[in-house]
Amino acid sequence: MKKKDWYENWFGSSWYKMLYRDRDELEAEEFVETLVGHLQPLPGSRMLDIACGSGRFARQLAAHEFDVTGIDIAYSAIMKAQKQENERLHFHVHDMRLPFYINYFDYAFNFFTSFGYFSSDRDHIMAAKSFAAALKKNGLLVIDYLNAPYVLDNLVLQETVVREEIVFNITRRVEGKHIIKDIRFKDREGQDVHYAERVAAFTLSDFLHIFKQAGLSLSGTYGDYQLNNYNPTESPRLIMMFKK
């Protein structure tokens, strides 16, 4: 049996949900409102939320009466999301590197740094090509990613977070071209547990290189969830819009 990658084990765990429980619906709602106001999608537009988790962004998009499909590799997250399905909201377990519907969606979204997890450039290019394949001609892809220069300049090396009497000891480091976030704690039985998040410190030029190979062209860059202009050293986010 193939060993699961870190993101399958971690994102599908109850510990992940516990640690990040403060990621609230309001943040998703406000960003989606801003995006919808900026993009002005036609009523009934088909939208794909790639790496949707339990569906917090997908739900907000569907509330605007768009036809929204969410995909994620984490089985437990999709099982939770599917409990909220309706005629405009659908969820599937799926690996983003593999094609999912072809020339079908008007918009595709990849929210909250849900890219850059793979160990090889080949896998990132495969994912980019599957994103592009899912879009109709002139379709638009929105990628919301950390802004690597800003994050590296402001890296919090160590912190402690307490959730339900579980003490999460978190350290961050840079290893090659990746930002590593080590999460260590003792479970309820007192056993030591360790997870590590690993995300590529991709810059705008890296994304241009990857998505050019998928046949997509950059149409806009923004630096935060209010869609203010992108500044390479000062913006907290790197939000990109690519057109097919």
C-alpha atoms as a PDB file:
ATOM      1  CA  MET A   1       0.000   0.000   0.000  1.00  0.00           C
ATOM      2  CA  LYS A   2       1.303   3.450  -0.920  1.00  0.00           C
ATOM      3  CA  LYS A   3       2.399   5.513   2.055  1.00  0.00           C
ATOM      4  CA  LYS A   4       0.263   8.605   2.520  1.00  0.00           C
ATOM      5  CA  ASP A   5       1.894  11.993   1.982  1.00  0.00           C
ATOM      6  CA  TRP A   6       2.069  14.448   4.886  1.00  0.00           C
ATOM      7  CA  TYR A   7      -0.895  16.504   3.701  1.00  0.00           C
ATOM      8  CA  GLU A   8      -3.180  13.457   3.553  1.00  0.00           C
ATOM      9  CA  ASN A   9      -2.299  12.403   7.103  1.00  0.00           C
ATOM     10  CA  TRP A  10      -2.351  15.886   8.616  1.00  0.00           C
ATOM     11  CA  PHE A  11      -5.305  17.583   6.892  1.00  0.00           C
ATOM     12  CA  GLY A  12      -7.492  14.560   7.451  1.00  0.00           C
ATOM     13  CA  SER A  13      -6.735  14.363  11.170  1.00  0.00           C
ATOM     14  CA  SER A  14      -8.843  15.553  14.089  1.00  0.00           C
ATOM     15  CA  TRP A  15      -5.749  17.354  15.429  1.00  0.00           C
ATOM     16  CA  TYR A  16      -5.595  19.591  12.367  1.00  0.00           C
ATOM     17  CA  LYS A  17      -9.222  20.606  12.883  1.00  0.00           C
ATOM     18  CA  MET A  18      -8.529  21.278  16.566  1.00  0.00           C
ATOM     19  CA  LEU A  19      -5.437  23.411  15.984  1.00  0.00           C
ATOM     20  CA  TYR A  20      -6.990  25.520  13.235  1.00  0.00           C
ATOM     21  CA  ARG A  21     -10.523  25.745  14.610  1.00  0.00           C
ATOM     22  CA  ASP A  22     -10.332  29.564  14.727  1.00  0.00           C
ATOM     23  CA  ARG A  23     -10.330  29.805  10.950  1.00  0.00           C
ATOM     24  CA  ASP A  24     -13.834  31.170  10.886  1.00  0.00           C
ATOM     25  CA  GLU A  25     -16.522  31.524   8.269  1.00  0.00           C
ATOM     26  CA  LEU A  26     -16.346  35.324   8.374  1.00  0.00           C
ATOM     27  CA  GLU A  27     -12.899  35.390   6.748  1.00  0.00           C
ATOM     28  CA  ALA A  28     -14.129  33.163   3.916  1.00  0.00           C
ATOM     29  CA  GLU A  29     -17.328  35.151   3.529  1.00  0.00           C
ATOM     30  CA  GLU A  30     -15.543  38.501   3.282  1.00  0.00           C
ATOM     31  CA  PHE A  31     -12.989  37.278   0.744  1.00  0.00           C
ATOM     32  CA  VAL A  32     -15.659  35.618  -1.393  1.00  0.00           C
ATOM     33  CA  GLU A  33     -17.770  38.803  -1.301  1.00  0.00           C
ATOM     34  CA  THR A  34     -14.749  40.795  -2.496  1.00  0.00           C
ATOM     35  CA  LEU A  35     -13.952  38.283  -5.250  1.00  0.00           C
ATOM     36  CA  VAL A  36     -17.530  38.102  -6.503  1.00  0.00           C
ATOM     37  CA  GLY A  37     -17.748  41.892  -6.580  1.00  0.00           C
ATOM     38  CA  HIS A  38     -14.483  42.067  -8.529  1.00  0.00           C
ATOM     39  CA  LEU A  39     -15.079  39.204 -10.967  1.00  0.00           C
ATOM     40  CA  GLN A  40     -18.816  39.747 -11.538  1.00  0.00           C
ATOM     41  CA  PRO A  41     -19.517  36.111 -12.545  1.00  0.00           C
ATOM     42  CA  LEU A  42     -22.664  35.423 -14.527  1.00  0.00           C
ATOM     43  CA  PRO A  43     -25.548  33.830 -12.611  1.00  0.00           C
ATOM     44  CA  GLY A  44     -25.203  30.064 -12.494  1.00  0.00           C
ATOM     45  CA  SER A  45     -21.484  30.087 -13.329  1.00  0.00           C
ATOM     46  CA  ARG A  46     -19.764  26.758 -12.756  1.00  0.00           C
ATOM     47  CA  MET A  47     -17.008  26.975 -10.165  1.00  0.00           C
ATOM     48  CA  LEU A  48     -14.386  24.539  -8.893  1.00  0.00           C
ATOM     49  CA  ASP A  49     -12.864  24.850  -5.404  1.00  0.00           C
ATOM     50  CA  ILE A  50      -9.592  22.908  -5.545  1.00  0.00           C
ATOM     51  CA  ALA A  51      -8.345  21.540  -2.194  1.00  0.00           C
ATOM     52  CA  CYS A  52     -11.604  22.665  -0.598  1.00  0.00           C
ATOM     53  CA  GLY A  53     -11.132  21.040   2.805  1.00  0.00           C
ATOM     54  CA  SER A  54     -14.462  20.872   4.590  1.00  0.00           C
ATOM     55  CA  GLY A  55     -15.869  23.430   2.183  1.00  0.00           C
ATOM     56  CA  ARG A  56     -15.902  26.799   3.926  1.00  0.00           C
ATOM     57  CA  PHE A  57     -15.117  28.766   0.750  1.00  0.00           C
ATOM     58  CA  ALA A  58     -17.247  26.549  -1.481  1.00  0.00           C
ATOM     59  CA  ARG A  59     -20.274  27.123   0.750  1.00  0.00           C
ATOM     60  CA  GLN A  60     -19.855  30.868   0.474  1.00  0.00           C
ATOM     61  CA  LEU A  61     -19.647  30.691  -3.315  1.00  0.00           C
ATOM     62  CA  ALA A  62     -22.744  28.498  -3.501  1.00  0.00           C
ATOM     63  CA  ALA A  63     -24.627  31.013  -1.344  1.00  0.00           C
ATOM     64  CA  HIS A  64     -24.349  33.365  -4.329  1.00  0.00           C
ATOM     65  CA  GLU A  65     -26.248  30.782  -6.400  1.00  0.00           C
ATOM     66  CA  PHE A  66     -23.275  29.647  -8.443  1.00  0.00           C
ATOM     67  CA  ASP A  67     -22.889  25.930  -9.262  1.00  0.00           C
ATOM     68  CA  VAL A  68     -19.956  24.954  -7.054  1.00  0.00           C
ATOM     69  CA  THR A  69     -17.931  21.733  -6.886  1.00  0.00           C
ATOM     70  CA  GLY A  70     -15.292  21.157  -4.227  1.00  0.00           C
ATOM     71  CA  ILE A  71     -12.517  18.572  -4.440  1.00  0.00           C
ATOM     72  CA  ASP A  72      -9.985  17.486  -1.830  1.00  0.00           C
ATOM     73  CA  ILE A  73      -7.724  14.485  -1.253  1.00  0.00           C
ATOM     74  CA  ALA A  74      -8.678  14.283   2.448  1.00  0.00           C
ATOM     75  CA  TYR A  75     -11.486  11.728   2.752  1.00  0.00           C
ATOM     76  CA  SER A  76     -12.620  12.857   6.217  1.00  0.00           C
ATOM     77  CA  ALA A  77     -12.891  16.503   5.129  1.00  0.00           C
ATOM     78  CA  ILE A  78     -15.015  15.580   2.113  1.00  0.00           C
ATOM     79  CA  MET A  79     -17.263  13.340   4.208  1.00  0.00           C
ATOM     80  CA  LYS A  80     -17.944  16.349   6.435  1.00  0.00           C
ATOM     81  CA  ALA A  81     -18.477  18.655   3.462  1.00  0.00           C
ATOM     82  CA  GLN A  82     -20.893  16.270   1.752  1.00  0.00           C
ATOM     83  CA  LYS A  83     -23.327  16.631   4.647  1.00  0.00           C
ATOM     84  CA  GLN A  84     -23.944  20.175   3.398  1.00  0.00           C
ATOM     85  CA  GLU A  85     -24.465  19.372  -0.267  1.00  0.00           C
ATOM     86  CA  ASN A  86     -27.440  20.761  -2.166  1.00  0.00           C
ATOM     87  CA  GLU A  87     -28.420  21.293  -5.795  1.00  0.00           C
ATOM     88  CA  ARG A  88     -25.715  23.963  -6.166  1.00  0.00           C
ATOM     89  CA  LEU A  89     -22.996  22.451  -3.992  1.00  0.00           C
ATOM     90  CA  HIS A  90     -21.145  19.174  -4.607  1.00  0.00           C
ATOM     91  CA  PHE A  91     -18.026  17.569  -3.103  1.00  0.00           C
ATOM     92  CA  HIS A  92     -15.704  14.773  -4.251  1.00  0.00           C
ATOM     93  CA  VAL A  93     -12.542  13.077  -2.975  1.00  0.00           C
ATOM     94  CA  HIS A  94      -9.963  13.813  -5.655  1.00  0.00           C
ATOM     95  CA  ASP A  95      -6.222  14.350  -6.120  1.00  0.00           C
ATOM     96  CA  MET A  96      -5.615  17.778  -7.672  1.00  0.00           C
ATOM     97  CA  ARG A  97      -2.836  16.371  -9.855  1.00  0.00           C
ATOM     98  CA  LEU A  98      -5.348  14.303 -11.841  1.00  0.00           C
ATOM     99  CA  PRO A  99      -7.863  15.646 -14.386  1.00  0.00           C
ATOM    100  CA  PHE A 100     -11.333  16.385 -13.034  1.00  0.00           C
ATOM    101  CA  TYR A 101     -13.951  17.252 -15.685  1.00  0.00           C
ATOM    102  CA  ILE A 102     -12.559  18.791 -18.863  1.00  0.00           C
ATOM    103  CA  ASN A 103     -13.429  22.240 -20.268  1.00  0.00           C
ATOM    104  CA  TYR A 104     -16.290  22.428 -17.779  1.00  0.00           C
ATOM    105  CA  PHE A 105     -15.803  25.241 -15.263  1.00  0.00           C
ATOM    106  CA  ASP A 106     -16.006  29.011 -15.744  1.00  0.00           C
ATOM    107  CA  TYR A 107     -13.897  29.641 -12.649  1.00  0.00           C
ATOM    108  CA  ALA A 108     -11.498  27.627 -10.513  1.00  0.00           C
ATOM    109  CA  PHE A 109     -10.229  28.648  -7.083  1.00  0.00           C
ATOM    110  CA  ASN A 110      -7.324  27.437  -4.973  1.00  0.00           C
ATOM    111  CA  PHE A 111      -7.666  29.128  -1.598  1.00  0.00           C
ATOM    112  CA  PHE A 112      -5.471  29.583   1.462  1.00  0.00           C
ATOM    113  CA  THR A 113      -2.094  28.254   0.281  1.00  0.00           C
ATOM    114  CA  SER A 114      -3.409  24.906  -0.917  1.00  0.00           C
ATOM    115  CA  PHE A 115      -0.630  24.429  -3.479  1.00  0.00           C
ATOM    116  CA  GLY A 116       3.113  23.886  -3.175  1.00  0.00           C
ATOM    117  CA  TYR A 117       2.791  20.708  -1.096  1.00  0.00           C
ATOM    118  CA  PHE A 118       4.513  18.278  -3.424  1.00  0.00           C
ATOM    119  CA  SER A 119       8.126  17.165  -3.298  1.00  0.00           C
ATOM    120  CA  SER A 120       8.727  17.384  -7.055  1.00  0.00           C
ATOM    121  CA  ASP A 121       8.254  20.120  -9.651  1.00  0.00           C
ATOM    122  CA  ARG A 122       6.694  17.484 -11.894  1.00  0.00           C
ATOM    123  CA  ASP A 123       3.779  17.098  -9.487  1.00  0.00           C
ATOM    124  CA  HIS A 124       3.213  20.859  -9.308  1.00  0.00           C
ATOM    125  CA  ILE A 125       3.138  21.057 -13.090  1.00  0.00           C
ATOM    126  CA  MET A 126       0.735  18.110 -13.248  1.00  0.00           C
ATOM    127  CA  ALA A 127      -1.567  19.949 -10.830  1.00  0.00           C
ATOM    128  CA  ALA A 128      -1.353  23.166 -12.835  1.00  0.00           C
ATOM    129  CA  LYS A 129      -2.256  21.300 -16.015  1.00  0.00           C
ATOM    130  CA  SER A 130      -5.260  19.665 -14.347  1.00  0.00           C
ATOM    131  CA  PHE A 131      -6.426  23.090 -13.114  1.00  0.00           C
ATOM    132  CA  ALA A 132      -6.205  24.427 -16.650  1.00  0.00           C
ATOM    133  CA  ALA A 133      -7.898  21.408 -18.207  1.00  0.00           C
ATOM    134  CA  ALA A 134     -10.924  21.856 -15.954  1.00  0.00           C
ATOM    135  CA  LEU A 135     -11.538  25.386 -17.237  1.00  0.00           C
ATOM    136  CA  LYS A 136     -13.503  26.392 -20.298  1.00  0.00           C
ATOM    137  CA  LYS A 137     -11.776  28.591 -22.862  1.00  0.00           C
ATOM    138  CA  ASN A 138     -11.363  32.074 -21.332  1.00  0.00           C
ATOM    139  CA  GLY A 139     -12.015  30.538 -17.896  1.00  0.00           C
ATOM    140  CA  LEU A 140     -10.296  32.097 -14.891  1.00  0.00           C
ATOM    141  CA  LEU A 141      -8.173  30.507 -12.164  1.00  0.00           C
ATOM    142  CA  VAL A 142      -7.657  32.314  -8.839  1.00  0.00           C
ATOM    143  CA  ILE A 143      -4.783  31.185  -6.607  1.00  0.00           C
ATOM    144  CA  ASP A 144      -4.459  32.516  -3.056  1.00  0.00           C
ATOM    145  CA  TYR A 145      -0.936  31.819  -1.751  1.00  0.00           C
ATOM    146  CA  LEU A 146       1.383  33.025   0.958  1.00  0.00           C
ATOM    147  CA  ASN A 147       3.747  35.780  -0.157  1.00  0.00           C
ATOM    148  CA  ALA A 148       7.073  34.019   0.328  1.00  0.00           C
ATOM    149  CA  PRO A 149       9.384  37.072   0.678  1.00  0.00           C
ATOM    150  CA  TYR A 150       7.072  38.595   3.296  1.00  0.00           C
ATOM    151  CA  VAL A 151       6.647  35.323   5.195  1.00  0.00           C
ATOM    152  CA  LEU A 152      10.387  34.623   5.242  1.00  0.00           C
ATOM    153  CA  ASP A 153      11.120  38.123   6.544  1.00  0.00           C
ATOM    154  CA  ASN A 154       8.512  37.759   9.291  1.00  0.00           C
ATOM    155  CA  LEU A 155       8.874  34.066  10.149  1.00  0.00           C
ATOM    156  CA  VAL A 156       7.769  33.235  13.689  1.00  0.00           C
ATOM    157  CA  LEU A 157      10.314  30.593  14.657  1.00  0.00           C
ATOM    158  CA  GLN A 158       8.507  29.238  17.709  1.00  0.00           C
ATOM    159  CA  GLU A 159       5.073  29.477  19.334  1.00  0.00           C
ATOM    160  CA  THR A 160       2.761  27.517  21.611  1.00  0.00           C
ATOM    161  CA  VAL A 161      -0.969  27.078  21.054  1.00  0.00           C
ATOM    162  CA  VAL A 162      -3.301  25.428  23.585  1.00  0.00           C
ATOM    163  CA  ARG A 163      -6.513  23.770  22.427  1.00  0.00           C
ATOM    164  CA  GLU A 164      -8.722  21.716  24.760  1.00  0.00           C
ATOM    165  CA  GLU A 165      -5.779  21.145  27.118  1.00  0.00           C
ATOM    166  CA  ILE A 166      -3.609  19.913  24.233  1.00  0.00           C
ATOM    167  CA  VAL A 167      -0.396  21.958  24.036  1.00  0.00           C
ATOM    168  CA  PHE A 168       0.817  22.345  20.444  1.00  0.00           C
ATOM    169  CA  ASN A 169       4.489  23.311  20.244  1.00  0.00           C
ATOM    170  CA  ILE A 170       5.114  24.828  16.824  1.00  0.00           C
ATOM    171  CA  THR A 171       8.464  25.620  15.229  1.00  0.00           C
ATOM    172  CA  ARG A 172       9.204  26.956  11.755  1.00  0.00           C
ATOM    173  CA  ARG A 173      12.303  26.621   9.644  1.00  0.00           C
ATOM    174  CA  VAL A 174      13.469  26.930   6.064  1.00  0.00           C
ATOM    175  CA  GLU A 175      14.828  23.858   4.344  1.00  0.00           C
ATOM    176  CA  GLY A 176      15.975  24.410   0.777  1.00  0.00           C
ATOM    177  CA  LYS A 177      13.060  26.013  -1.083  1.00  0.00           C
ATOM    178  CA  HIS A 178      10.466  24.920   1.486  1.00  0.00           C
ATOM    179  CA  ILE A 179       9.041  26.408   4.642  1.00  0.00           C
ATOM    180  CA  ILE A 180       8.650  23.656   7.245  1.00  0.00           C
ATOM    181  CA  LYS A 181       6.231  23.967  10.149  1.00  0.00           C
ATOM    182  CA  ASP A 182       6.811  21.285  12.790  1.00  0.00           C
ATOM    183  CA  ILE A 183       3.876  20.613  15.104  1.00  0.00           C
ATOM    184  CA  ARG A 184       4.580  18.545  18.221  1.00  0.00           C
ATOM    185  CA  PHE A 185       2.293  17.648  21.110  1.00  0.00           C
ATOM    186  CA  LYS A 186       1.225  14.863  23.459  1.00  0.00           C
ATOM    187  CA  ASP A 187      -2.105  13.212  22.698  1.00  0.00           C
ATOM    188  CA  ARG A 188      -4.720  12.427  25.345  1.00  0.00           C
ATOM    189  CA  GLU A 189      -2.871   9.195  26.226  1.00  0.00           C
ATOM    190  CA  GLY A 190       0.394  11.074  26.743  1.00  0.00           C
ATOM    191  CA  GLN A 191       1.999   9.777  23.546  1.00  0.00           C
ATOM    192  CA  ASP A 192       4.297  12.080  21.577  1.00  0.00           C
ATOM    193  CA  VAL A 193       2.838  13.152  18.214  1.00  0.00           C
ATOM    194  CA  HIS A 194       4.605  14.989  15.391  1.00  0.00           C
ATOM    195  CA  TYR A 195       3.304  16.396  12.141  1.00  0.00           C
ATOM    196  CA  ALA A 196       5.170  18.615   9.691  1.00  0.00           C
ATOM    197  CA  GLU A 197       3.626  20.983   7.170  1.00  0.00           C
ATOM    198  CA  ARG A 198       5.831  21.515   4.142  1.00  0.00           C
ATOM    199  CA  VAL A 199       5.073  24.219   1.593  1.00  0.00           C
ATOM    200  CA  ALA A 200       7.214  25.550  -1.246  1.00  0.00           C
ATOM    201  CA  ALA A 201       8.340  29.168  -0.930  1.00  0.00           C
ATOM    202  CA  PHE A 202       7.142  29.888  -4.466  1.00  0.00           C
ATOM    203  CA  THR A 203       7.503  33.444  -5.742  1.00  0.00           C
ATOM    204  CA  LEU A 204       5.495  35.101  -8.499  1.00  0.00           C
ATOM    205  CA  SER A 205       8.149  34.137 -11.053  1.00  0.00           C
ATOM    206  CA  ASP A 206       7.867  30.489  -9.965  1.00  0.00           C
ATOM    207  CA  PHE A 207       4.111  30.549 -10.543  1.00  0.00           C
ATOM    208  CA  LEU A 208       4.548  32.159 -13.940  1.00  0.00           C
ATOM    209  CA  HIS A 209       6.958  29.385 -14.922  1.00  0.00           C
ATOM    210  CA  ILE A 210       4.659  26.605 -13.669  1.00  0.00           C
ATOM    211  CA  PHE A 211       1.394  27.892 -15.096  1.00  0.00           C
ATOM    212  CA  LYS A 212       2.875  28.928 -18.435  1.00  0.00           C
ATOM    213  CA  GLN A 213       3.482  25.209 -18.982  1.00  0.00           C
ATOM    214  CA  ALA A 214      -0.240  24.675 -18.368  1.00  0.00           C
ATOM    215  CA  GLY A 215      -1.195  27.220 -21.035  1.00  0.00           C
ATOM    216  CA  LEU A 216      -2.442  29.865 -18.605  1.00  0.00           C
ATOM    217  CA  SER A 217      -1.518  33.556 -18.670  1.00  0.00           C
ATOM    218  CA  LEU A 218      -1.417  35.917 -15.703  1.00  0.00           C
ATOM    219  CA  SER A 219      -4.160  38.544 -15.751  1.00  0.00           C
ATOM    220  CA  GLY A 220      -3.760  40.136 -12.312  1.00  0.00           C
ATOM    221  CA  THR A 221      -1.913  40.062  -8.981  1.00  0.00           C
ATOM    222  CA  TYR A 222      -3.115  41.263  -5.585  1.00  0.00           C
ATOM    223  CA  GLY A 223      -1.534  41.422  -2.149  1.00  0.00           C
ATOM    224  CA  ASP A 224      -4.341  40.789   0.332  1.00  0.00           C
ATOM    225  CA  TYR A 225      -7.958  39.698   0.750  1.00  0.00           C
ATOM    226  CA  GLN A 226      -9.155  43.213  -0.049  1.00  0.00           C
ATOM    227  CA  LEU A 227      -7.461  42.845  -3.473  1.00  0.00           C
ATOM    228  CA  ASN A 228      -5.071  45.723  -2.933  1.00  0.00           C
ATOM    229  CA  ASN A 229      -2.047  45.952  -5.207  1.00  0.00           C
ATOM    230  CA  TYR A 230       0.652  43.336  -4.730  1.00  0.00           C
ATOM    231  CA  ASN A 231       3.942  44.458  -3.199  1.00  0.00           C
ATOM    232  CA  PRO A 232       6.656  41.743  -3.213  1.00  0.00           C
ATOM    233  CA  THR A 233       8.103  42.723   0.184  1.00  0.00           C
ATOM    234  CA  GLU A 234       5.096  44.127   2.059  1.00  0.00           C
ATOM    235  CA  SER A 235       2.003  42.167   0.970  1.00  0.00           C
ATOM    236  CA  PRO A 236       0.895  39.314   3.264  1.00  0.00           C
ATOM    237  CA  ARG A 237      -0.614  37.311   0.387  1.00  0.00           C
ATOM    238  CA  LEU A 238       0.100  36.604  -3.283  1.00  0.00           C
ATOM    239  CA  ILE A 239      -3.256  36.352  -5.036  1.00  0.00           C
ATOM    240  CA  MET A 240      -3.011  35.585  -8.740  1.00  0.00           C
ATOM    241  CA  MET A 241      -5.560  35.398 -11.511  1.00  0.00           C
ATOM    242  CA  PHE A 242      -4.713  33.281 -14.553  1.00  0.00           C
ATOM    243  CA  LYS A 243      -6.753  33.112 -17.740  1.00  0.00           C
ATOM    244  CA  LYS A 244      -7.076  30.153 -20.101  1.00  0.00           C
END
